[in-house]
């Protein structure tokens, strides 16, 4: 197999690098990890732009392909290393569930800026914060919990019958609240904590803790 390389960031706080690394781990694919500091130094950024057009991380390198954007990376891995060839799935087999997973991941990538500012990723992979949520952050937290309660079945700790990459993204967003002691319904908190115990997630958490 052609060597896979994942470019990440040395601070271990990017939710999108987290997504890409979890996808690789869940697929069981060997890969080399290359870490760059943020902000990316000018010479490194110029090199990354020359190869991937968009000079930001994560970047997946597979042969001549240099691919950015976390969802594009997981889609590529899912379609290149198929379940029919014995690789674990990243997306549900059922078309309706696959669409729902993409809906959830798109939702998590296009908003929640108040919540992200109040509860940054560093407070999930590092030291929790103690400041109260802002009005905007509290409003977004309430909407996140409303959506999560609707999406997560009460009798499961994953979105569908089998795990999918959307579980990792949703759990990370929920851990912004759980890890910082904000009120979260029991079954939603149980979902987030169960996802956090997956070996793929713990691989990232351990690396973040060791930085």
N, C-alpha and C. Protein backbone atom coordinates (compact mmCIF):
# COMPACT_ATOMS: atom_id res chain seq x y z
N UNK A 1 0.85 -1.20 0.00
CA UNK A 1 0.00 0.00 0.00
C UNK A 1 0.88 1.25 0.00
N UNK A 2 0.49 2.23 -0.81
CA UNK A 2 1.19 3.51 -0.83
C UNK A 2 1.13 4.16 0.54
N UNK A 3 2.26 4.70 0.99
CA UNK A 3 2.34 5.31 2.31
C UNK A 3 1.33 6.46 2.45
N UNK A 4 0.59 6.42 3.55
CA UNK A 4 -0.31 7.51 3.89
C UNK A 4 0.40 8.43 4.88
N UNK A 5 0.25 9.72 4.67
CA UNK A 5 0.82 10.72 5.57
C UNK A 5 -0.29 11.68 5.98
N UNK A 6 -0.37 11.96 7.28
CA UNK A 6 -1.33 12.94 7.77
C UNK A 6 -0.58 14.11 8.37
N UNK A 7 -0.82 15.29 7.82
CA UNK A 7 -0.28 16.52 8.40
C UNK A 7 -1.27 17.04 9.44
N UNK A 8 -0.79 17.20 10.66
CA UNK A 8 -1.59 17.75 11.73
C UNK A 8 -0.89 18.95 12.34
N UNK A 9 -1.39 19.37 13.50
CA UNK A 9 -0.76 20.54 14.14
C UNK A 9 -0.24 20.15 15.52
N UNK A 10 0.88 20.74 15.88
CA UNK A 10 1.62 20.32 17.07
C UNK A 10 0.95 20.69 18.38
N UNK A 11 -0.06 21.55 18.34
CA UNK A 11 -0.78 21.92 19.57
C UNK A 11 -1.85 20.93 19.96
N UNK A 12 -2.23 20.03 19.05
CA UNK A 12 -3.24 19.00 19.31
C UNK A 12 -4.56 19.60 19.78
N UNK A 13 -5.05 20.62 19.10
CA UNK A 13 -6.34 21.23 19.47
C UNK A 13 -7.29 21.35 18.29
N UNK A 14 -6.92 20.86 17.11
CA UNK A 14 -7.78 21.02 15.94
C UNK A 14 -8.83 19.92 15.89
N UNK A 15 -10.12 20.28 15.91
CA UNK A 15 -11.16 19.25 15.78
C UNK A 15 -11.12 18.56 14.44
N UNK A 16 -10.57 19.22 13.44
CA UNK A 16 -10.57 18.65 12.08
C UNK A 16 -9.41 17.67 11.91
N UNK A 17 -8.27 17.95 12.54
CA UNK A 17 -7.20 16.96 12.58
C UNK A 17 -7.66 15.75 13.39
N UNK A 18 -8.36 16.00 14.49
CA UNK A 18 -8.95 14.93 15.30
C UNK A 18 -9.81 14.02 14.42
N UNK A 19 -10.69 14.61 13.62
CA UNK A 19 -11.57 13.86 12.72
C UNK A 19 -10.76 12.97 11.79
N UNK A 20 -9.74 13.54 11.14
CA UNK A 20 -8.96 12.80 10.16
C UNK A 20 -8.17 11.68 10.82
N UNK A 21 -7.61 11.95 11.99
CA UNK A 21 -6.82 10.93 12.68
C UNK A 21 -7.71 9.80 13.17
N UNK A 22 -8.89 10.11 13.70
CA UNK A 22 -9.83 9.08 14.13
C UNK A 22 -10.23 8.22 12.92
N UNK A 23 -10.47 8.85 11.78
CA UNK A 23 -10.85 8.10 10.58
C UNK A 23 -9.76 7.10 10.19
N UNK A 24 -8.52 7.54 10.21
CA UNK A 24 -7.40 6.64 9.88
C UNK A 24 -7.30 5.50 10.88
N UNK A 25 -7.46 5.82 12.16
CA UNK A 25 -7.37 4.80 13.21
C UNK A 25 -8.51 3.79 13.08
N UNK A 26 -9.71 4.28 12.83
CA UNK A 26 -10.86 3.38 12.70
C UNK A 26 -10.73 2.48 11.49
N UNK A 27 -10.12 2.98 10.43
CA UNK A 27 -9.88 2.16 9.24
C UNK A 27 -8.77 1.13 9.46
N UNK A 28 -7.96 1.35 10.51
CA UNK A 28 -6.85 0.44 10.76
C UNK A 28 -5.73 0.59 9.75
N UNK A 29 -5.56 1.83 9.24
CA UNK A 29 -4.57 2.07 8.20
C UNK A 29 -3.27 2.60 8.81
N UNK A 30 -2.13 2.05 8.42
CA UNK A 30 -0.87 2.62 8.88
C UNK A 30 -0.64 3.98 8.21
N UNK A 31 -0.10 4.91 8.98
CA UNK A 31 0.15 6.24 8.42
C UNK A 31 1.29 6.90 9.19
N UNK A 32 1.89 7.86 8.53
CA UNK A 32 2.93 8.67 9.15
C UNK A 32 2.31 10.00 9.53
N UNK A 33 2.62 10.48 10.72
CA UNK A 33 2.07 11.75 11.20
C UNK A 33 3.15 12.82 11.14
N UNK A 34 2.84 13.91 10.46
CA UNK A 34 3.74 15.06 10.37
C UNK A 34 3.06 16.24 11.05
N UNK A 35 3.71 16.81 12.05
CA UNK A 35 3.12 17.91 12.82
C UNK A 35 3.77 19.23 12.45
N UNK A 36 2.94 20.24 12.29
CA UNK A 36 3.44 21.59 12.03
C UNK A 36 2.86 22.52 13.09
N UNK A 37 3.59 23.59 13.45
CA UNK A 37 3.06 24.52 14.44
C UNK A 37 2.01 25.43 13.82
N UNK A 38 1.14 25.95 14.68
CA UNK A 38 0.19 26.99 14.27
C UNK A 38 0.54 28.29 14.98
N UNK A 39 0.57 29.42 14.26
CA UNK A 39 0.36 29.52 12.81
C UNK A 39 1.48 28.82 12.05
N UNK A 40 1.12 28.31 10.87
CA UNK A 40 2.08 27.57 10.05
C UNK A 40 3.14 28.54 9.53
N UNK A 41 4.42 28.23 9.73
CA UNK A 41 5.48 29.10 9.22
C UNK A 41 5.34 29.35 7.72
N UNK A 42 5.78 30.51 7.28
CA UNK A 42 5.55 30.94 5.90
C UNK A 42 6.13 29.96 4.89
N UNK A 43 7.33 29.44 5.14
CA UNK A 43 7.93 28.54 4.16
C UNK A 43 7.18 27.21 4.08
N UNK A 44 6.73 26.71 5.25
CA UNK A 44 5.96 25.48 5.27
C UNK A 44 4.60 25.69 4.60
N UNK A 45 3.98 26.84 4.87
CA UNK A 45 2.68 27.13 4.27
C UNK A 45 2.80 27.21 2.76
N UNK A 46 3.87 27.81 2.27
CA UNK A 46 4.07 27.91 0.83
C UNK A 46 4.21 26.51 0.21
N UNK A 47 4.94 25.62 0.90
CA UNK A 47 5.09 24.25 0.41
C UNK A 47 3.75 23.53 0.39
N UNK A 48 2.98 23.68 1.45
CA UNK A 48 1.68 23.00 1.53
C UNK A 48 0.72 23.54 0.47
N UNK A 49 0.74 24.83 0.25
CA UNK A 49 -0.12 25.41 -0.79
C UNK A 49 0.27 24.91 -2.17
N UNK A 50 1.57 24.78 -2.41
CA UNK A 50 2.03 24.32 -3.72
C UNK A 50 1.54 22.91 -4.01
N UNK A 51 1.37 22.12 -2.97
CA UNK A 51 0.98 20.73 -3.17
C UNK A 51 -0.52 20.49 -2.99
N UNK A 52 -1.14 21.19 -2.04
CA UNK A 52 -2.55 20.90 -1.72
C UNK A 52 -3.50 22.03 -2.08
N UNK A 53 -2.97 23.14 -2.60
CA UNK A 53 -3.72 24.35 -2.96
C UNK A 53 -4.16 25.10 -1.70
N UNK A 54 -4.86 24.41 -0.79
CA UNK A 54 -5.29 25.03 0.46
C UNK A 54 -4.26 24.69 1.52
N UNK A 55 -3.51 25.69 1.96
CA UNK A 55 -2.38 25.44 2.85
C UNK A 55 -2.75 25.41 4.31
N UNK A 56 -3.59 24.47 4.71
CA UNK A 56 -3.94 24.33 6.11
C UNK A 56 -4.08 22.85 6.44
N UNK A 57 -4.05 22.55 7.72
CA UNK A 57 -4.18 21.16 8.16
C UNK A 57 -5.60 20.91 8.64
N UNK A 58 -6.05 19.63 8.56
CA UNK A 58 -5.29 18.44 8.18
C UNK A 58 -5.09 18.34 6.68
N UNK A 59 -4.01 17.66 6.33
CA UNK A 59 -3.75 17.28 4.94
C UNK A 59 -3.45 15.79 4.92
N UNK A 60 -4.14 15.08 4.06
CA UNK A 60 -3.84 13.67 3.82
C UNK A 60 -3.03 13.57 2.54
N UNK A 61 -1.91 12.87 2.62
CA UNK A 61 -1.08 12.62 1.44
C UNK A 61 -1.18 11.13 1.11
N UNK A 62 -1.57 10.83 -0.12
CA UNK A 62 -1.64 9.44 -0.58
C UNK A 62 -1.14 9.41 -2.00
N UNK A 63 0.12 8.99 -2.17
CA UNK A 63 0.72 9.05 -3.49
C UNK A 63 0.86 10.50 -3.93
N UNK A 64 0.32 10.80 -5.10
CA UNK A 64 0.40 12.16 -5.64
C UNK A 64 -0.71 13.07 -5.12
N UNK A 65 -1.65 12.52 -4.36
CA UNK A 65 -2.78 13.29 -3.87
C UNK A 65 -2.44 13.97 -2.55
N UNK A 66 -2.61 15.27 -2.49
CA UNK A 66 -2.52 16.05 -1.25
C UNK A 66 -3.90 16.66 -1.03
N UNK A 67 -4.60 16.20 -0.01
CA UNK A 67 -6.02 16.53 0.16
C UNK A 67 -6.26 17.21 1.50
N UNK A 68 -6.91 18.36 1.47
CA UNK A 68 -7.30 19.06 2.70
C UNK A 68 -8.81 18.91 2.91
N UNK A 69 -9.28 19.44 4.04
CA UNK A 69 -10.67 19.43 4.50
C UNK A 69 -11.01 18.06 5.08
N UNK A 70 -11.34 18.06 6.36
CA UNK A 70 -11.48 16.82 7.10
C UNK A 70 -12.55 15.89 6.53
N UNK A 71 -13.68 16.43 6.14
CA UNK A 71 -14.74 15.58 5.61
C UNK A 71 -14.35 14.99 4.25
N UNK A 72 -13.66 15.76 3.43
CA UNK A 72 -13.15 15.23 2.16
C UNK A 72 -12.17 14.09 2.42
N UNK A 73 -11.37 14.23 3.48
CA UNK A 73 -10.40 13.19 3.81
C UNK A 73 -11.10 11.90 4.23
N UNK A 74 -12.08 12.00 5.11
CA UNK A 74 -12.76 10.77 5.55
C UNK A 74 -13.57 10.15 4.42
N UNK A 75 -14.16 10.96 3.56
CA UNK A 75 -14.87 10.43 2.39
C UNK A 75 -13.89 9.69 1.48
N UNK A 76 -12.73 10.28 1.27
CA UNK A 76 -11.73 9.63 0.41
C UNK A 76 -11.29 8.30 1.00
N UNK A 77 -11.02 8.28 2.30
CA UNK A 77 -10.61 7.03 2.94
C UNK A 77 -11.70 5.98 2.84
N UNK A 78 -12.97 6.42 3.03
CA UNK A 78 -14.09 5.48 2.96
C UNK A 78 -14.22 4.87 1.56
N UNK A 79 -13.97 5.67 0.53
CA UNK A 79 -14.18 5.21 -0.84
C UNK A 79 -12.95 4.51 -1.42
N UNK A 80 -11.79 4.77 -0.83
CA UNK A 80 -10.56 4.14 -1.32
C UNK A 80 -10.32 2.80 -0.64
N UNK A 81 -10.58 2.75 0.67
CA UNK A 81 -10.37 1.54 1.45
C UNK A 81 -11.75 1.02 1.87
N UNK A 82 -12.37 0.28 0.96
CA UNK A 82 -13.79 -0.05 1.06
C UNK A 82 -14.06 -1.21 2.01
N UNK A 83 -15.28 -1.20 2.53
CA UNK A 83 -15.71 -2.29 3.41
C UNK A 83 -15.76 -3.61 2.64
N UNK A 84 -15.99 -3.54 1.34
CA UNK A 84 -16.03 -4.76 0.52
C UNK A 84 -14.65 -5.42 0.42
N UNK A 85 -13.61 -4.65 0.74
CA UNK A 85 -12.25 -5.18 0.76
C UNK A 85 -11.80 -5.52 2.18
N UNK A 86 -12.75 -5.47 3.12
CA UNK A 86 -12.44 -5.87 4.49
C UNK A 86 -12.11 -4.76 5.45
N UNK A 87 -12.16 -3.51 4.99
CA UNK A 87 -11.88 -2.39 5.88
C UNK A 87 -13.14 -1.98 6.64
N UNK A 88 -13.01 -1.56 7.89
CA UNK A 88 -14.18 -1.09 8.63
C UNK A 88 -14.82 0.13 7.95
N UNK A 89 -16.11 0.28 8.13
CA UNK A 89 -16.83 1.40 7.54
C UNK A 89 -16.60 2.67 8.35
N UNK A 90 -16.63 3.81 7.67
CA UNK A 90 -16.65 5.11 8.34
C UNK A 90 -18.04 5.74 8.28
N UNK A 91 -18.82 5.38 7.27
CA UNK A 91 -20.15 5.93 7.06
C UNK A 91 -21.17 4.79 7.05
N UNK A 92 -22.40 5.06 7.46
CA UNK A 92 -23.41 4.00 7.48
C UNK A 92 -23.66 3.41 6.09
N UNK A 93 -24.00 2.13 6.06
CA UNK A 93 -24.34 1.48 4.80
C UNK A 93 -25.68 1.96 4.27
N UNK A 94 -26.62 2.21 5.18
CA UNK A 94 -27.96 2.67 4.80
C UNK A 94 -27.89 4.10 4.27
N UNK A 95 -28.52 4.35 3.13
CA UNK A 95 -28.42 5.67 2.49
C UNK A 95 -29.02 6.78 3.34
N UNK A 96 -30.16 6.51 3.97
CA UNK A 96 -30.80 7.52 4.81
C UNK A 96 -29.92 7.85 6.01
N UNK A 97 -29.34 6.83 6.63
CA UNK A 97 -28.46 7.06 7.78
C UNK A 97 -27.18 7.77 7.35
N UNK A 98 -26.68 7.43 6.15
CA UNK A 98 -25.49 8.12 5.66
C UNK A 98 -25.77 9.60 5.43
N UNK A 99 -26.93 9.89 4.88
CA UNK A 99 -27.32 11.29 4.70
C UNK A 99 -27.44 12.00 6.04
N UNK A 100 -28.01 11.33 7.03
CA UNK A 100 -28.14 11.92 8.37
C UNK A 100 -26.76 12.19 8.98
N UNK A 101 -25.84 11.24 8.80
CA UNK A 101 -24.49 11.45 9.33
C UNK A 101 -23.84 12.67 8.69
N UNK A 102 -24.00 12.81 7.38
CA UNK A 102 -23.44 13.98 6.69
C UNK A 102 -24.12 15.26 7.14
N UNK A 103 -25.42 15.19 7.38
CA UNK A 103 -26.14 16.36 7.89
C UNK A 103 -25.55 16.82 9.22
N UNK A 104 -25.34 15.87 10.11
CA UNK A 104 -24.80 16.20 11.43
C UNK A 104 -23.40 16.80 11.31
N UNK A 105 -22.57 16.20 10.49
CA UNK A 105 -21.21 16.72 10.34
C UNK A 105 -21.19 18.09 9.69
N UNK A 106 -22.06 18.31 8.73
CA UNK A 106 -22.16 19.64 8.13
C UNK A 106 -22.64 20.66 9.14
N UNK A 107 -23.62 20.30 9.95
CA UNK A 107 -24.13 21.18 11.00
C UNK A 107 -23.00 21.61 11.94
N UNK A 108 -22.15 20.66 12.31
CA UNK A 108 -21.08 20.94 13.27
C UNK A 108 -19.96 21.78 12.67
N UNK A 109 -19.89 21.86 11.35
CA UNK A 109 -18.82 22.61 10.70
C UNK A 109 -19.22 24.03 10.31
N UNK A 110 -20.46 24.38 10.48
CA UNK A 110 -20.93 25.66 9.92
C UNK A 110 -21.49 26.63 10.96
N UNK A 111 -21.19 26.41 12.21
CA UNK A 111 -21.71 27.34 13.22
C UNK A 111 -21.11 27.08 14.58
N UNK A 112 -21.89 27.42 15.62
CA UNK A 112 -21.48 27.18 17.01
C UNK A 112 -20.26 28.00 17.41
N UNK A 113 -20.11 29.19 16.80
CA UNK A 113 -18.89 29.96 17.04
C UNK A 113 -18.85 30.54 18.46
N UNK A 114 -20.01 30.87 19.01
CA UNK A 114 -20.04 31.34 20.39
C UNK A 114 -19.64 30.25 21.36
N UNK A 115 -20.16 29.05 21.14
CA UNK A 115 -19.82 27.91 21.99
C UNK A 115 -18.34 27.55 21.84
N UNK A 116 -17.84 27.58 20.62
CA UNK A 116 -16.42 27.28 20.40
C UNK A 116 -15.53 28.28 21.13
N UNK A 117 -15.94 29.55 21.13
CA UNK A 117 -15.12 30.57 21.80
C UNK A 117 -15.16 30.39 23.32
N UNK A 118 -16.35 30.09 23.85
CA UNK A 118 -16.48 29.90 25.30
C UNK A 118 -15.86 28.59 25.78
N UNK A 119 -15.95 27.56 24.97
CA UNK A 119 -15.46 26.23 25.33
C UNK A 119 -14.56 25.72 24.21
N UNK A 120 -13.35 26.28 24.10
CA UNK A 120 -12.45 25.92 23.00
C UNK A 120 -12.00 24.46 23.09
N UNK A 121 -11.49 23.97 21.99
CA UNK A 121 -11.04 22.58 21.96
C UNK A 121 -9.94 22.33 22.98
N UNK A 122 -9.16 23.37 23.28
CA UNK A 122 -8.10 23.22 24.28
C UNK A 122 -8.67 22.87 25.65
N UNK A 123 -9.93 23.23 25.91
CA UNK A 123 -10.55 22.89 27.20
C UNK A 123 -11.08 21.46 27.22
N UNK A 124 -11.07 20.81 26.07
CA UNK A 124 -11.44 19.39 25.98
C UNK A 124 -10.19 18.52 26.08
N UNK A 125 -9.15 18.91 25.35
CA UNK A 125 -7.91 18.13 25.33
C UNK A 125 -6.87 18.64 26.32
N UNK A 126 -7.25 19.66 27.09
CA UNK A 126 -6.33 20.22 28.08
C UNK A 126 -7.05 20.57 29.36
N UNK A 127 -6.78 21.75 29.87
CA UNK A 127 -7.34 22.19 31.15
C UNK A 127 -8.74 22.76 30.92
N UNK A 128 -9.75 22.26 31.65
CA UNK A 128 -11.11 22.82 31.52
C UNK A 128 -11.15 24.29 31.92
N UNK A 129 -12.17 24.98 31.45
CA UNK A 129 -12.36 26.38 31.82
C UNK A 129 -13.47 26.47 32.87
N UNK A 130 -13.47 27.56 33.62
CA UNK A 130 -14.44 27.74 34.70
C UNK A 130 -15.35 28.94 34.47
N UNK A 131 -15.11 29.71 33.41
CA UNK A 131 -15.93 30.88 33.15
C UNK A 131 -17.32 30.46 32.67
N UNK A 132 -18.35 31.19 33.07
CA UNK A 132 -19.71 30.86 32.60
C UNK A 132 -19.83 31.05 31.09
N UNK A 133 -20.79 30.37 30.51
CA UNK A 133 -21.09 30.57 29.10
C UNK A 133 -21.62 31.97 28.87
N UNK A 134 -21.25 32.58 27.76
CA UNK A 134 -21.84 33.84 27.36
C UNK A 134 -23.28 33.61 26.92
N UNK A 135 -24.01 34.70 26.71
CA UNK A 135 -25.39 34.55 26.25
C UNK A 135 -25.44 33.79 24.92
N UNK A 136 -24.53 34.12 24.01
CA UNK A 136 -24.50 33.43 22.72
C UNK A 136 -24.09 31.98 22.90
N UNK A 137 -23.08 31.75 23.74
CA UNK A 137 -22.63 30.38 23.98
C UNK A 137 -23.70 29.53 24.62
N UNK A 138 -24.43 30.10 25.58
CA UNK A 138 -25.50 29.37 26.26
C UNK A 138 -26.63 29.03 25.29
N UNK A 139 -26.97 29.97 24.41
CA UNK A 139 -28.01 29.73 23.43
C UNK A 139 -27.61 28.61 22.47
N UNK A 140 -26.34 28.63 22.03
CA UNK A 140 -25.86 27.60 21.12
C UNK A 140 -25.75 26.25 21.83
N UNK A 141 -25.36 26.26 23.10
CA UNK A 141 -25.29 25.01 23.86
C UNK A 141 -26.67 24.38 23.97
N UNK A 142 -27.67 25.20 24.25
CA UNK A 142 -29.05 24.68 24.35
C UNK A 142 -29.51 24.07 23.02
N UNK A 143 -29.16 24.73 21.91
CA UNK A 143 -29.55 24.20 20.60
C UNK A 143 -28.79 22.92 20.29
N UNK A 144 -27.51 22.87 20.65
CA UNK A 144 -26.73 21.66 20.44
C UNK A 144 -27.33 20.49 21.21
N UNK A 145 -27.70 20.72 22.46
CA UNK A 145 -28.27 19.65 23.27
C UNK A 145 -29.64 19.23 22.76
N UNK A 146 -30.41 20.18 22.25
CA UNK A 146 -31.71 19.83 21.66
C UNK A 146 -31.52 18.92 20.46
N UNK A 147 -30.58 19.29 19.60
CA UNK A 147 -30.32 18.47 18.41
C UNK A 147 -29.76 17.11 18.80
N UNK A 148 -28.81 17.09 19.73
CA UNK A 148 -28.21 15.83 20.14
C UNK A 148 -29.25 14.89 20.74
N UNK A 149 -30.13 15.42 21.55
CA UNK A 149 -31.18 14.59 22.15
C UNK A 149 -32.08 13.99 21.08
N UNK A 150 -32.31 14.73 20.02
CA UNK A 150 -33.15 14.22 18.93
C UNK A 150 -32.41 13.19 18.08
N UNK A 151 -31.11 13.37 17.90
CA UNK A 151 -30.34 12.48 17.02
C UNK A 151 -29.93 11.18 17.71
N UNK A 152 -29.65 11.22 19.02
CA UNK A 152 -29.10 10.06 19.71
C UNK A 152 -30.22 9.23 20.30
N UNK A 153 -30.39 8.00 19.87
CA UNK A 153 -31.43 7.15 20.46
C UNK A 153 -31.19 6.96 21.96
N UNK A 154 -32.25 6.93 22.74
CA UNK A 154 -32.11 6.84 24.19
C UNK A 154 -31.55 5.50 24.64
N UNK A 155 -31.62 4.48 23.79
CA UNK A 155 -31.15 3.15 24.18
C UNK A 155 -29.79 2.80 23.57
N UNK A 156 -29.08 3.83 23.03
CA UNK A 156 -27.78 3.56 22.39
C UNK A 156 -26.77 4.61 22.79
N UNK A 157 -25.50 4.27 22.66
CA UNK A 157 -24.42 5.24 22.84
C UNK A 157 -23.70 5.49 21.53
N UNK A 158 -24.42 5.34 20.42
CA UNK A 158 -23.96 5.76 19.10
C UNK A 158 -25.18 6.13 18.28
N UNK A 159 -24.95 6.86 17.20
CA UNK A 159 -26.07 7.39 16.44
C UNK A 159 -26.88 6.31 15.75
N UNK A 160 -26.20 5.28 15.24
CA UNK A 160 -26.87 4.23 14.47
C UNK A 160 -26.49 2.86 15.04
N UNK A 161 -26.92 1.81 14.38
CA UNK A 161 -26.63 0.47 14.88
C UNK A 161 -25.13 0.21 14.92
N UNK A 162 -24.41 0.76 13.97
CA UNK A 162 -22.96 0.64 13.96
C UNK A 162 -22.34 2.03 14.03
N UNK A 163 -21.13 2.11 14.55
CA UNK A 163 -20.42 3.38 14.71
C UNK A 163 -20.18 4.03 13.35
N UNK A 164 -20.15 5.36 13.32
CA UNK A 164 -19.73 6.09 12.12
C UNK A 164 -18.93 7.31 12.54
N UNK A 165 -18.25 7.92 11.59
CA UNK A 165 -17.36 9.03 11.88
C UNK A 165 -18.11 10.25 12.42
N UNK A 166 -19.40 10.36 12.13
CA UNK A 166 -20.19 11.46 12.70
C UNK A 166 -20.26 11.36 14.22
N UNK A 167 -20.18 10.14 14.75
CA UNK A 167 -20.17 9.98 16.21
C UNK A 167 -18.98 10.70 16.83
N UNK A 168 -17.82 10.62 16.20
CA UNK A 168 -16.63 11.28 16.74
C UNK A 168 -16.81 12.79 16.76
N UNK A 169 -17.33 13.34 15.65
CA UNK A 169 -17.52 14.79 15.58
C UNK A 169 -18.53 15.29 16.60
N UNK A 170 -19.66 14.59 16.71
CA UNK A 170 -20.70 15.02 17.64
C UNK A 170 -20.21 14.89 19.08
N UNK A 171 -19.51 13.81 19.38
CA UNK A 171 -19.00 13.61 20.74
C UNK A 171 -18.02 14.72 21.11
N UNK A 172 -17.15 15.10 20.19
CA UNK A 172 -16.20 16.18 20.48
C UNK A 172 -16.93 17.48 20.79
N UNK A 173 -17.94 17.81 20.02
CA UNK A 173 -18.69 19.04 20.29
C UNK A 173 -19.37 18.96 21.65
N UNK A 174 -19.93 17.82 21.97
CA UNK A 174 -20.60 17.66 23.27
C UNK A 174 -19.61 17.69 24.43
N UNK A 175 -18.39 17.21 24.20
CA UNK A 175 -17.38 17.22 25.26
C UNK A 175 -16.96 18.64 25.62
N UNK A 176 -17.24 19.60 24.77
CA UNK A 176 -17.00 21.00 25.14
C UNK A 176 -17.83 21.37 26.36
N UNK A 177 -18.99 20.74 26.50
CA UNK A 177 -19.85 20.97 27.65
C UNK A 177 -19.55 19.97 28.77
N UNK A 178 -19.48 18.70 28.42
CA UNK A 178 -19.29 17.66 29.44
C UNK A 178 -17.99 17.87 30.20
N UNK A 179 -16.91 18.10 29.48
CA UNK A 179 -15.60 18.21 30.11
C UNK A 179 -15.45 19.47 30.94
N UNK A 180 -16.27 20.47 30.67
CA UNK A 180 -16.19 21.73 31.40
C UNK A 180 -17.27 21.88 32.47
N UNK A 181 -17.99 20.79 32.73
CA UNK A 181 -18.94 20.78 33.84
C UNK A 181 -20.25 21.49 33.57
N UNK A 182 -20.56 21.74 32.32
CA UNK A 182 -21.84 22.36 31.99
C UNK A 182 -22.94 21.30 32.04
N UNK A 183 -24.17 21.70 32.35
CA UNK A 183 -25.25 20.71 32.46
C UNK A 183 -25.57 20.06 31.12
N UNK A 184 -25.62 18.73 31.13
CA UNK A 184 -25.91 17.94 29.93
C UNK A 184 -26.81 16.79 30.37
N UNK A 185 -27.88 16.52 29.61
CA UNK A 185 -28.76 15.40 29.93
C UNK A 185 -27.97 14.11 30.06
N UNK A 186 -28.42 13.23 30.95
CA UNK A 186 -27.66 12.01 31.27
C UNK A 186 -27.37 11.16 30.04
N UNK A 187 -28.39 10.94 29.19
CA UNK A 187 -28.15 10.03 28.07
C UNK A 187 -27.25 10.64 27.01
N UNK A 188 -27.28 11.96 26.88
CA UNK A 188 -26.37 12.64 25.95
C UNK A 188 -24.95 12.62 26.50
N UNK A 189 -24.80 12.86 27.80
CA UNK A 189 -23.47 12.79 28.42
C UNK A 189 -22.91 11.38 28.34
N UNK A 190 -23.76 10.38 28.54
CA UNK A 190 -23.31 8.98 28.45
C UNK A 190 -22.83 8.65 27.05
N UNK A 191 -23.53 9.18 26.05
CA UNK A 191 -23.13 9.00 24.65
C UNK A 191 -21.74 9.59 24.42
N UNK A 192 -21.55 10.83 24.86
CA UNK A 192 -20.26 11.50 24.64
C UNK A 192 -19.13 10.75 25.32
N UNK A 193 -19.35 10.33 26.55
CA UNK A 193 -18.30 9.63 27.30
C UNK A 193 -18.00 8.26 26.68
N UNK A 194 -19.02 7.58 26.21
CA UNK A 194 -18.80 6.28 25.56
C UNK A 194 -17.97 6.45 24.29
N UNK A 195 -18.27 7.46 23.51
CA UNK A 195 -17.49 7.72 22.31
C UNK A 195 -16.05 8.06 22.65
N UNK A 196 -15.88 8.77 23.75
CA UNK A 196 -14.54 9.21 24.15
C UNK A 196 -13.64 8.05 24.53
N UNK A 197 -14.25 6.90 24.87
CA UNK A 197 -13.48 5.74 25.27
C UNK A 197 -13.05 4.88 24.09
N UNK A 198 -13.49 5.20 22.89
CA UNK A 198 -13.06 4.41 21.74
C UNK A 198 -11.54 4.50 21.58
N UNK A 199 -10.88 3.39 21.23
CA UNK A 199 -9.42 3.42 21.08
C UNK A 199 -8.94 4.48 20.10
N UNK A 200 -9.67 4.71 19.03
CA UNK A 200 -9.26 5.72 18.05
C UNK A 200 -9.23 7.11 18.66
N UNK A 201 -10.22 7.42 19.48
CA UNK A 201 -10.29 8.72 20.16
C UNK A 201 -9.22 8.81 21.22
N UNK A 202 -9.05 7.75 22.00
CA UNK A 202 -8.06 7.75 23.05
C UNK A 202 -6.64 7.88 22.51
N UNK A 203 -6.40 7.41 21.29
CA UNK A 203 -5.08 7.59 20.66
C UNK A 203 -4.79 9.08 20.50
N UNK A 204 -5.80 9.85 20.07
CA UNK A 204 -5.60 11.29 19.93
C UNK A 204 -5.48 11.95 21.30
N UNK A 205 -6.35 11.57 22.23
CA UNK A 205 -6.33 12.16 23.58
C UNK A 205 -4.98 11.93 24.25
N UNK A 206 -4.45 10.72 24.13
CA UNK A 206 -3.15 10.41 24.74
C UNK A 206 -2.04 11.27 24.14
N UNK A 207 -2.07 11.45 22.83
CA UNK A 207 -1.06 12.29 22.19
C UNK A 207 -1.20 13.74 22.62
N UNK A 208 -2.44 14.21 22.75
CA UNK A 208 -2.66 15.58 23.20
C UNK A 208 -2.17 15.77 24.63
N UNK A 209 -2.40 14.78 25.49
CA UNK A 209 -1.97 14.87 26.88
C UNK A 209 -0.45 14.81 27.01
N UNK A 210 0.21 14.21 26.03
CA UNK A 210 1.66 14.04 26.08
C UNK A 210 2.42 15.21 25.49
N UNK A 211 1.71 16.16 24.92
CA UNK A 211 2.40 17.23 24.21
C UNK A 211 3.20 18.13 25.15
